Amino acid sequence: MAVAFTKEESFETASETLLPDRPISAHPNLVTEAGLKALERQFKEAREAYDGAITIEDVNERRRQTANPLRDLRYLAARLRTAQLMPFPTSIDTVAFGGMVTFRRDDGRVQTYRIVGEDEADPKAGSISYVSPVARLLMGKAVGDVVETGGQELEIIAIA
């Protein structure tokens, strides 16, 4: 009976620890300097979590505790390997990767975003990915230009 219990527990543990890889975008992995540093920090944190988890004596618990950090390490290693550090924009004539853009929507809302890489994008914190629909419409445009998205117009009112 103990053997059957062990096998069942091992099967459950295996199903908990065989996590699918995090999806990696097909787009070029463009990053700002801050984005590259964030990837490096996250890799270090995942490495520390993994190193701490491999010291757990119980094999099933060790598998559970190493699953997420190991998956993150694979993802972050790939993202660091493919990272393309982009220079900070030297001009504010047009919207560019790494720059800030402020635009007004039809309903009067004014929004400001920094255009960054996919891994560092956080719209709630004021950054959007360069592959997002809005960023793709705005890139290369200048103050006063109007673009349309989803039946709504966005007017660029500032670039920094």
N, C-alpha and C. Protein backbone atom coordinates (compact mmCIF):
# COMPACT_ATOMS: atom_id res chain seq x y z
N MET A 1 0.82 -1.20 0.00
CA MET A 1 0.00 0.00 0.00
C MET A 1 0.87 1.27 0.00
N ALA A 2 1.96 1.23 0.70
CA ALA A 2 2.84 2.40 0.75
C ALA A 2 3.42 2.69 -0.62
N VAL A 3 3.74 1.65 -1.39
CA VAL A 3 4.29 1.84 -2.72
C VAL A 3 3.27 2.52 -3.63
N ALA A 4 2.03 2.08 -3.58
CA ALA A 4 0.97 2.68 -4.40
C ALA A 4 0.78 4.15 -4.03
N PHE A 5 0.83 4.45 -2.74
CA PHE A 5 0.67 5.83 -2.30
C PHE A 5 1.83 6.67 -2.82
N THR A 6 3.02 6.15 -2.76
CA THR A 6 4.20 6.86 -3.23
C THR A 6 4.09 7.14 -4.72
N LYS A 7 3.66 6.14 -5.49
CA LYS A 7 3.54 6.34 -6.92
C LYS A 7 2.49 7.39 -7.24
N GLU A 8 1.37 7.34 -6.53
CA GLU A 8 0.31 8.32 -6.75
C GLU A 8 0.82 9.72 -6.42
N GLU A 9 1.52 9.84 -5.29
CA GLU A 9 2.04 11.14 -4.89
C GLU A 9 3.06 11.63 -5.90
N SER A 10 3.91 10.73 -6.39
CA SER A 10 4.91 11.11 -7.39
C SER A 10 4.23 11.57 -8.69
N PHE A 11 3.16 10.89 -9.08
CA PHE A 11 2.43 11.28 -10.28
C PHE A 11 1.83 12.67 -10.10
N GLU A 12 1.23 12.91 -8.94
CA GLU A 12 0.64 14.23 -8.67
C GLU A 12 1.72 15.30 -8.67
N THR A 13 2.85 14.99 -8.06
CA THR A 13 3.95 15.94 -8.02
C THR A 13 4.45 16.23 -9.42
N ALA A 14 4.59 15.17 -10.22
CA ALA A 14 5.07 15.37 -11.59
C ALA A 14 4.12 16.27 -12.38
N SER A 15 2.83 16.08 -12.20
CA SER A 15 1.87 16.91 -12.92
C SER A 15 1.93 18.37 -12.45
N GLU A 16 2.30 18.57 -11.20
CA GLU A 16 2.43 19.93 -10.67
C GLU A 16 3.73 20.58 -11.11
N THR A 17 4.74 19.77 -11.43
CA THR A 17 6.06 20.32 -11.70
C THR A 17 6.43 20.36 -13.17
N LEU A 18 5.66 19.75 -14.02
CA LEU A 18 5.92 19.80 -15.45
C LEU A 18 5.15 20.97 -16.05
N LEU A 19 5.62 22.14 -15.75
CA LEU A 19 4.94 23.36 -16.19
C LEU A 19 5.31 23.67 -17.64
N PRO A 20 4.35 24.10 -18.42
CA PRO A 20 4.68 24.49 -19.79
C PRO A 20 5.55 25.74 -19.78
N ASP A 21 6.40 25.87 -20.78
CA ASP A 21 7.24 27.06 -20.87
C ASP A 21 6.39 28.30 -21.06
N ARG A 22 6.88 29.41 -20.56
CA ARG A 22 6.22 30.69 -20.79
C ARG A 22 6.36 31.01 -22.27
N PRO A 23 5.30 31.49 -22.89
CA PRO A 23 5.39 31.79 -24.34
C PRO A 23 6.38 32.92 -24.61
N ILE A 24 7.12 32.76 -25.68
CA ILE A 24 8.09 33.78 -26.09
C ILE A 24 7.58 34.40 -27.39
N SER A 25 7.51 35.71 -27.39
CA SER A 25 7.01 36.46 -28.53
C SER A 25 7.85 36.22 -29.78
N ALA A 26 7.21 36.27 -30.90
CA ALA A 26 7.91 36.14 -32.19
C ALA A 26 8.52 37.48 -32.63
N HIS A 27 8.15 38.58 -31.95
CA HIS A 27 8.67 39.90 -32.30
C HIS A 27 10.10 40.05 -31.80
N PRO A 28 10.88 40.92 -32.44
CA PRO A 28 12.23 41.20 -31.92
C PRO A 28 12.14 41.64 -30.46
N ASN A 29 13.10 41.21 -29.66
CA ASN A 29 13.10 41.49 -28.23
C ASN A 29 13.81 42.82 -27.95
N LEU A 30 13.17 43.92 -28.33
CA LEU A 30 13.73 45.24 -28.10
C LEU A 30 13.55 45.60 -26.63
N VAL A 31 14.60 46.19 -26.04
CA VAL A 31 14.54 46.57 -24.63
C VAL A 31 15.17 47.94 -24.42
N THR A 32 14.68 48.64 -23.42
CA THR A 32 15.33 49.86 -22.96
C THR A 32 16.41 49.44 -21.96
N GLU A 33 17.22 50.37 -21.56
CA GLU A 33 18.25 50.06 -20.56
C GLU A 33 17.59 49.59 -19.26
N ALA A 34 16.51 50.25 -18.86
CA ALA A 34 15.79 49.85 -17.65
C ALA A 34 15.18 48.46 -17.82
N GLY A 35 14.68 48.17 -19.01
CA GLY A 35 14.10 46.86 -19.28
C GLY A 35 15.13 45.75 -19.21
N LEU A 36 16.33 46.00 -19.73
CA LEU A 36 17.40 45.01 -19.66
C LEU A 36 17.80 44.77 -18.22
N LYS A 37 17.92 45.83 -17.44
CA LYS A 37 18.27 45.68 -16.01
C LYS A 37 17.19 44.90 -15.27
N ALA A 38 15.93 45.13 -15.61
CA ALA A 38 14.82 44.41 -14.97
C ALA A 38 14.89 42.92 -15.31
N LEU A 39 15.19 42.58 -16.57
CA LEU A 39 15.34 41.18 -16.95
C LEU A 39 16.49 40.53 -16.18
N GLU A 40 17.59 41.24 -16.04
CA GLU A 40 18.75 40.72 -15.30
C GLU A 40 18.40 40.50 -13.83
N ARG A 41 17.67 41.46 -13.24
CA ARG A 41 17.26 41.34 -11.84
C ARG A 41 16.31 40.16 -11.66
N GLN A 42 15.35 40.02 -12.56
CA GLN A 42 14.40 38.91 -12.46
C GLN A 42 15.11 37.56 -12.62
N PHE A 43 16.11 37.50 -13.50
CA PHE A 43 16.88 36.26 -13.68
C PHE A 43 17.61 35.92 -12.39
N LYS A 44 18.23 36.92 -11.78
CA LYS A 44 18.96 36.71 -10.52
C LYS A 44 17.99 36.22 -9.43
N GLU A 45 16.82 36.83 -9.34
CA GLU A 45 15.83 36.43 -8.33
C GLU A 45 15.34 34.99 -8.57
N ALA A 46 15.11 34.63 -9.83
CA ALA A 46 14.68 33.27 -10.15
C ALA A 46 15.79 32.28 -9.81
N ARG A 47 17.03 32.67 -10.08
CA ARG A 47 18.18 31.79 -9.77
C ARG A 47 18.28 31.58 -8.26
N GLU A 48 18.10 32.64 -7.49
CA GLU A 48 18.15 32.52 -6.03
C GLU A 48 17.02 31.64 -5.52
N ALA A 49 15.83 31.79 -6.08
CA ALA A 49 14.69 30.96 -5.67
C ALA A 49 14.95 29.49 -5.99
N TYR A 50 15.51 29.24 -7.17
CA TYR A 50 15.82 27.87 -7.56
C TYR A 50 16.91 27.28 -6.66
N ASP A 51 17.98 28.04 -6.43
CA ASP A 51 19.07 27.57 -5.57
C ASP A 51 18.59 27.26 -4.16
N GLY A 52 17.67 28.06 -3.66
CA GLY A 52 17.10 27.80 -2.34
C GLY A 52 16.23 26.56 -2.32
N ALA A 53 15.49 26.34 -3.39
CA ALA A 53 14.56 25.21 -3.45
C ALA A 53 15.26 23.87 -3.63
N ILE A 54 16.41 23.86 -4.29
CA ILE A 54 17.06 22.56 -4.53
C ILE A 54 17.67 21.98 -3.26
N THR A 55 17.72 22.75 -2.20
CA THR A 55 18.25 22.23 -0.94
C THR A 55 17.19 21.51 -0.11
N ILE A 56 15.94 21.55 -0.55
CA ILE A 56 14.85 20.88 0.18
C ILE A 56 15.06 19.37 0.08
N GLU A 57 15.01 18.71 1.21
CA GLU A 57 15.30 17.27 1.25
C GLU A 57 14.19 16.42 0.63
N ASP A 58 12.95 16.71 0.91
CA ASP A 58 11.85 15.92 0.37
C ASP A 58 11.78 16.12 -1.13
N VAL A 59 11.95 15.03 -1.88
CA VAL A 59 12.03 15.12 -3.34
C VAL A 59 10.77 15.71 -3.97
N ASN A 60 9.61 15.34 -3.46
CA ASN A 60 8.37 15.86 -4.03
C ASN A 60 8.22 17.35 -3.77
N GLU A 61 8.54 17.76 -2.56
CA GLU A 61 8.45 19.19 -2.24
C GLU A 61 9.50 19.98 -3.01
N ARG A 62 10.68 19.40 -3.18
CA ARG A 62 11.74 20.06 -3.96
C ARG A 62 11.26 20.27 -5.40
N ARG A 63 10.62 19.26 -5.98
CA ARG A 63 10.10 19.40 -7.35
C ARG A 63 9.06 20.51 -7.44
N ARG A 64 8.17 20.54 -6.44
CA ARG A 64 7.14 21.59 -6.43
C ARG A 64 7.77 22.99 -6.34
N GLN A 65 8.75 23.12 -5.46
CA GLN A 65 9.34 24.44 -5.20
C GLN A 65 10.30 24.90 -6.29
N THR A 66 10.83 23.98 -7.07
CA THR A 66 11.75 24.38 -8.15
C THR A 66 11.04 24.59 -9.48
N ALA A 67 9.80 24.14 -9.61
CA ALA A 67 9.10 24.19 -10.90
C ALA A 67 8.99 25.61 -11.45
N ASN A 68 8.45 26.53 -10.68
CA ASN A 68 8.27 27.91 -11.18
C ASN A 68 9.60 28.60 -11.44
N PRO A 69 10.56 28.56 -10.48
CA PRO A 69 11.83 29.23 -10.78
C PRO A 69 12.54 28.65 -12.00
N LEU A 70 12.46 27.34 -12.18
CA LEU A 70 13.11 26.72 -13.33
C LEU A 70 12.47 27.18 -14.64
N ARG A 71 11.15 27.24 -14.65
CA ARG A 71 10.45 27.74 -15.85
C ARG A 71 10.84 29.19 -16.11
N ASP A 72 10.87 30.01 -15.05
CA ASP A 72 11.24 31.42 -15.20
C ASP A 72 12.68 31.56 -15.69
N LEU A 73 13.57 30.72 -15.19
CA LEU A 73 14.97 30.77 -15.63
C LEU A 73 15.08 30.49 -17.13
N ARG A 74 14.34 29.51 -17.61
CA ARG A 74 14.38 29.20 -19.04
C ARG A 74 13.89 30.41 -19.86
N TYR A 75 12.78 30.98 -19.42
CA TYR A 75 12.20 32.13 -20.13
C TYR A 75 13.16 33.32 -20.11
N LEU A 76 13.63 33.66 -18.92
CA LEU A 76 14.46 34.85 -18.77
C LEU A 76 15.81 34.68 -19.47
N ALA A 77 16.37 33.48 -19.45
CA ALA A 77 17.63 33.23 -20.17
C ALA A 77 17.42 33.48 -21.67
N ALA A 78 16.31 33.01 -22.20
CA ALA A 78 16.01 33.23 -23.62
C ALA A 78 15.82 34.71 -23.91
N ARG A 79 15.13 35.41 -23.03
CA ARG A 79 14.88 36.83 -23.25
C ARG A 79 16.17 37.64 -23.13
N LEU A 80 17.04 37.28 -22.21
CA LEU A 80 18.32 37.97 -22.09
C LEU A 80 19.21 37.68 -23.30
N ARG A 81 19.18 36.46 -23.76
CA ARG A 81 20.00 36.05 -24.92
C ARG A 81 19.57 36.80 -26.18
N THR A 82 18.29 37.11 -26.32
CA THR A 82 17.79 37.75 -27.53
C THR A 82 17.56 39.25 -27.39
N ALA A 83 17.85 39.79 -26.21
CA ALA A 83 17.59 41.21 -25.96
C ALA A 83 18.42 42.09 -26.90
N GLN A 84 17.74 43.08 -27.46
CA GLN A 84 18.39 44.07 -28.32
C GLN A 84 18.23 45.43 -27.65
N LEU A 85 19.30 45.89 -27.01
CA LEU A 85 19.26 47.16 -26.30
C LEU A 85 19.13 48.29 -27.31
N MET A 86 18.08 49.08 -27.14
CA MET A 86 17.81 50.19 -28.05
C MET A 86 18.28 51.49 -27.39
N PRO A 87 18.89 52.36 -28.18
CA PRO A 87 19.34 53.64 -27.62
C PRO A 87 18.15 54.52 -27.26
N PHE A 88 18.37 55.38 -26.30
CA PHE A 88 17.33 56.34 -25.91
C PHE A 88 17.13 57.28 -27.10
N PRO A 89 15.89 57.67 -27.41
CA PRO A 89 15.65 58.55 -28.56
C PRO A 89 16.44 59.85 -28.43
N THR A 90 17.08 60.26 -29.52
CA THR A 90 17.87 61.50 -29.51
C THR A 90 17.05 62.70 -29.97
N SER A 91 15.86 62.42 -30.46
CA SER A 91 15.01 63.50 -30.97
C SER A 91 13.59 63.30 -30.44
N ILE A 92 12.92 64.42 -30.26
CA ILE A 92 11.51 64.34 -29.86
C ILE A 92 10.60 64.82 -30.99
N ASP A 93 11.14 64.77 -32.21
CA ASP A 93 10.35 65.18 -33.38
C ASP A 93 9.24 64.18 -33.68
N THR A 94 9.53 62.90 -33.47
CA THR A 94 8.53 61.86 -33.74
C THR A 94 8.53 60.85 -32.59
N VAL A 95 7.44 60.11 -32.48
CA VAL A 95 7.30 59.09 -31.46
C VAL A 95 8.26 57.95 -31.79
N ALA A 96 9.06 57.53 -30.80
CA ALA A 96 10.05 56.49 -31.03
C ALA A 96 10.11 55.55 -29.82
N PHE A 97 10.69 54.38 -30.04
CA PHE A 97 10.89 53.41 -28.98
C PHE A 97 11.67 54.07 -27.84
N GLY A 98 11.19 53.89 -26.62
CA GLY A 98 11.86 54.45 -25.44
C GLY A 98 11.37 55.84 -25.07
N GLY A 99 10.65 56.48 -25.97
CA GLY A 99 10.18 57.84 -25.72
C GLY A 99 8.79 57.86 -25.09
N MET A 100 8.42 59.04 -24.63
CA MET A 100 7.10 59.26 -24.04
C MET A 100 6.23 59.97 -25.07
N VAL A 101 4.96 59.57 -25.10
CA VAL A 101 4.02 60.22 -25.99
C VAL A 101 2.74 60.51 -25.21
N THR A 102 2.22 61.70 -25.42
CA THR A 102 0.95 62.09 -24.80
C THR A 102 -0.04 62.33 -25.93
N PHE A 103 -1.23 61.74 -25.76
CA PHE A 103 -2.26 61.91 -26.79
C PHE A 103 -3.61 62.13 -26.15
N ARG A 104 -4.50 62.75 -26.93
CA ARG A 104 -5.87 63.03 -26.48
C ARG A 104 -6.82 62.15 -27.29
N ARG A 105 -7.73 61.53 -26.58
CA ARG A 105 -8.76 60.70 -27.22
C ARG A 105 -9.97 61.57 -27.56
N ASP A 106 -10.86 61.02 -28.40
CA ASP A 106 -12.09 61.73 -28.78
C ASP A 106 -12.90 62.17 -27.57
N ASP A 107 -12.91 61.34 -26.53
CA ASP A 107 -13.74 61.65 -25.36
C ASP A 107 -13.08 62.65 -24.41
N GLY A 108 -11.92 63.19 -24.82
CA GLY A 108 -11.24 64.21 -24.02
C GLY A 108 -10.17 63.67 -23.08
N ARG A 109 -10.14 62.37 -22.88
CA ARG A 109 -9.10 61.80 -22.00
C ARG A 109 -7.72 62.05 -22.59
N VAL A 110 -6.79 62.40 -21.73
CA VAL A 110 -5.40 62.58 -22.13
C VAL A 110 -4.60 61.47 -21.47
N GLN A 111 -3.79 60.78 -22.26
CA GLN A 111 -2.99 59.67 -21.75
C GLN A 111 -1.54 59.85 -22.17
N THR A 112 -0.64 59.45 -21.28
CA THR A 112 0.79 59.52 -21.55
C THR A 112 1.39 58.14 -21.31
N TYR A 113 2.17 57.68 -22.28
CA TYR A 113 2.82 56.38 -22.17
C TYR A 113 4.25 56.45 -22.67
N ARG A 114 5.10 55.65 -22.07
CA ARG A 114 6.44 55.41 -22.60
C ARG A 114 6.33 54.14 -23.43
N ILE A 115 6.94 54.13 -24.59
CA ILE A 115 6.89 52.96 -25.47
C ILE A 115 8.15 52.13 -25.20
N VAL A 116 7.93 50.89 -24.76
CA VAL A 116 9.02 50.04 -24.28
C VAL A 116 8.90 48.63 -24.86
N GLY A 117 9.79 47.75 -24.42
CA GLY A 117 9.76 46.35 -24.84
C GLY A 117 8.61 45.60 -24.21
N GLU A 118 8.34 44.42 -24.74
CA GLU A 118 7.19 43.63 -24.29
C GLU A 118 7.28 43.24 -22.82
N ASP A 119 8.46 42.87 -22.35
CA ASP A 119 8.58 42.40 -20.97
C ASP A 119 8.46 43.53 -19.94
N GLU A 120 8.73 44.74 -20.34
CA GLU A 120 8.65 45.84 -19.37
C GLU A 120 7.37 46.66 -19.47
N ALA A 121 6.52 46.33 -20.42
CA ALA A 121 5.27 47.08 -20.58
C ALA A 121 4.34 46.86 -19.40
N ASP A 122 3.78 47.97 -18.92
CA ASP A 122 2.83 47.95 -17.81
C ASP A 122 1.92 49.17 -17.96
N PRO A 123 0.82 49.03 -18.70
CA PRO A 123 -0.04 50.18 -18.97
C PRO A 123 -0.50 50.92 -17.72
N LYS A 124 -0.75 50.20 -16.64
CA LYS A 124 -1.18 50.87 -15.40
C LYS A 124 -0.09 51.77 -14.84
N ALA A 125 1.18 51.43 -15.15
CA ALA A 125 2.31 52.23 -14.67
C ALA A 125 2.79 53.23 -15.73
N GLY A 126 2.09 53.29 -16.87
CA GLY A 126 2.41 54.29 -17.88
C GLY A 126 3.36 53.84 -18.97
N SER A 127 3.43 52.54 -19.24
CA SER A 127 4.27 52.08 -20.35
C SER A 127 3.50 51.05 -21.17
N ILE A 128 3.70 51.11 -22.49
CA ILE A 128 3.06 50.15 -23.39
C ILE A 128 4.13 49.54 -24.29
N SER A 129 3.86 48.34 -24.73
CA SER A 129 4.77 47.62 -25.61
C SER A 129 4.77 48.24 -27.00
N TYR A 130 5.93 48.23 -27.60
CA TYR A 130 6.05 48.78 -28.95
C TYR A 130 5.24 47.99 -29.98
N VAL A 131 4.83 46.77 -29.63
CA VAL A 131 4.02 45.99 -30.56
C VAL A 131 2.52 46.12 -30.29
N SER A 132 2.16 46.90 -29.29
CA SER A 132 0.74 47.10 -29.02
C SER A 132 0.12 47.90 -30.16
N PRO A 133 -1.16 47.69 -30.40
CA PRO A 133 -1.80 48.41 -31.52
C PRO A 133 -1.65 49.93 -31.45
N VAL A 134 -1.82 50.50 -30.27
CA VAL A 134 -1.71 51.96 -30.14
C VAL A 134 -0.28 52.42 -30.43
N ALA A 135 0.70 51.74 -29.84
CA ALA A 135 2.09 52.14 -30.07
C ALA A 135 2.46 52.02 -31.54
N ARG A 136 2.01 50.97 -32.19
CA ARG A 136 2.34 50.79 -33.62
C ARG A 136 1.75 51.92 -34.46
N LEU A 137 0.56 52.39 -34.08
CA LEU A 137 -0.05 53.51 -34.81
C LEU A 137 0.71 54.82 -34.57
N LEU A 138 1.21 55.00 -33.35
CA LEU A 138 1.83 56.27 -32.98
C LEU A 138 3.30 56.40 -33.40
N MET A 139 4.00 55.28 -33.51
CA MET A 139 5.44 55.33 -33.82
C MET A 139 5.66 56.04 -35.16
N GLY A 140 6.62 56.96 -35.14
CA GLY A 140 6.95 57.70 -36.35
C GLY A 140 6.11 58.93 -36.57
N LYS A 141 5.07 59.12 -35.79
CA LYS A 141 4.19 60.28 -35.94
C LYS A 141 4.73 61.46 -35.11
N ALA A 142 4.23 62.67 -35.42
CA ALA A 142 4.68 63.90 -34.77
C ALA A 142 3.53 64.56 -34.02
N VAL A 143 3.87 65.57 -33.22
CA VAL A 143 2.86 66.34 -32.49
C VAL A 143 1.89 66.94 -33.51
N GLY A 144 0.59 66.80 -33.23
CA GLY A 144 -0.45 67.30 -34.11
C GLY A 144 -1.01 66.23 -35.03
N ASP A 145 -0.27 65.14 -35.22
CA ASP A 145 -0.78 64.05 -36.05
C ASP A 145 -1.95 63.37 -35.36
N VAL A 146 -2.88 62.87 -36.17
CA VAL A 146 -4.05 62.17 -35.67
C VAL A 146 -4.06 60.78 -36.30
N VAL A 147 -4.29 59.78 -35.44
CA VAL A 147 -4.41 58.40 -35.93
C VAL A 147 -5.76 57.87 -35.49
N GLU A 148 -6.23 56.86 -36.20
CA GLU A 148 -7.53 56.29 -35.87
C GLU A 148 -7.35 54.84 -35.43
N THR A 149 -8.05 54.49 -34.36
CA THR A 149 -8.05 53.11 -33.88
C THR A 149 -9.42 52.78 -33.32
N GLY A 150 -9.98 51.71 -33.80
CA GLY A 150 -11.28 51.27 -33.30
C GLY A 150 -12.36 52.31 -33.43
N GLY A 151 -12.34 53.09 -34.49
CA GLY A 151 -13.36 54.11 -34.70
C GLY A 151 -13.15 55.35 -33.84
N GLN A 152 -12.00 55.46 -33.22
CA GLN A 152 -11.71 56.59 -32.34
C GLN A 152 -10.43 57.27 -32.81
N GLU A 153 -10.38 58.59 -32.72
CA GLU A 153 -9.18 59.31 -33.11
C GLU A 153 -8.32 59.62 -31.90
N LEU A 154 -7.00 59.53 -32.11
CA LEU A 154 -6.02 59.89 -31.09
C LEU A 154 -5.16 61.00 -31.68
N GLU A 155 -5.08 62.12 -30.98
CA GLU A 155 -4.25 63.23 -31.43
C GLU A 155 -3.03 63.34 -30.55
N ILE A 156 -1.86 63.31 -31.15
CA ILE A 156 -0.61 63.43 -30.40
C ILE A 156 -0.45 64.88 -29.99
N ILE A 157 -0.31 65.09 -28.66
CA ILE A 157 -0.19 66.47 -28.17
C ILE A 157 1.18 66.77 -27.57
N ALA A 158 1.99 65.73 -27.29
CA ALA A 158 3.35 65.97 -26.78
C ALA A 158 4.19 64.71 -26.96
N ILE A 159 5.49 64.95 -27.17
CA ILE A 159 6.47 63.87 -27.26
C ILE A 159 7.64 64.27 -26.37
N ALA A 160 8.09 63.35 -25.56
CA ALA A 160 9.25 63.66 -24.68
C ALA A 160 10.22 62.51 -24.70
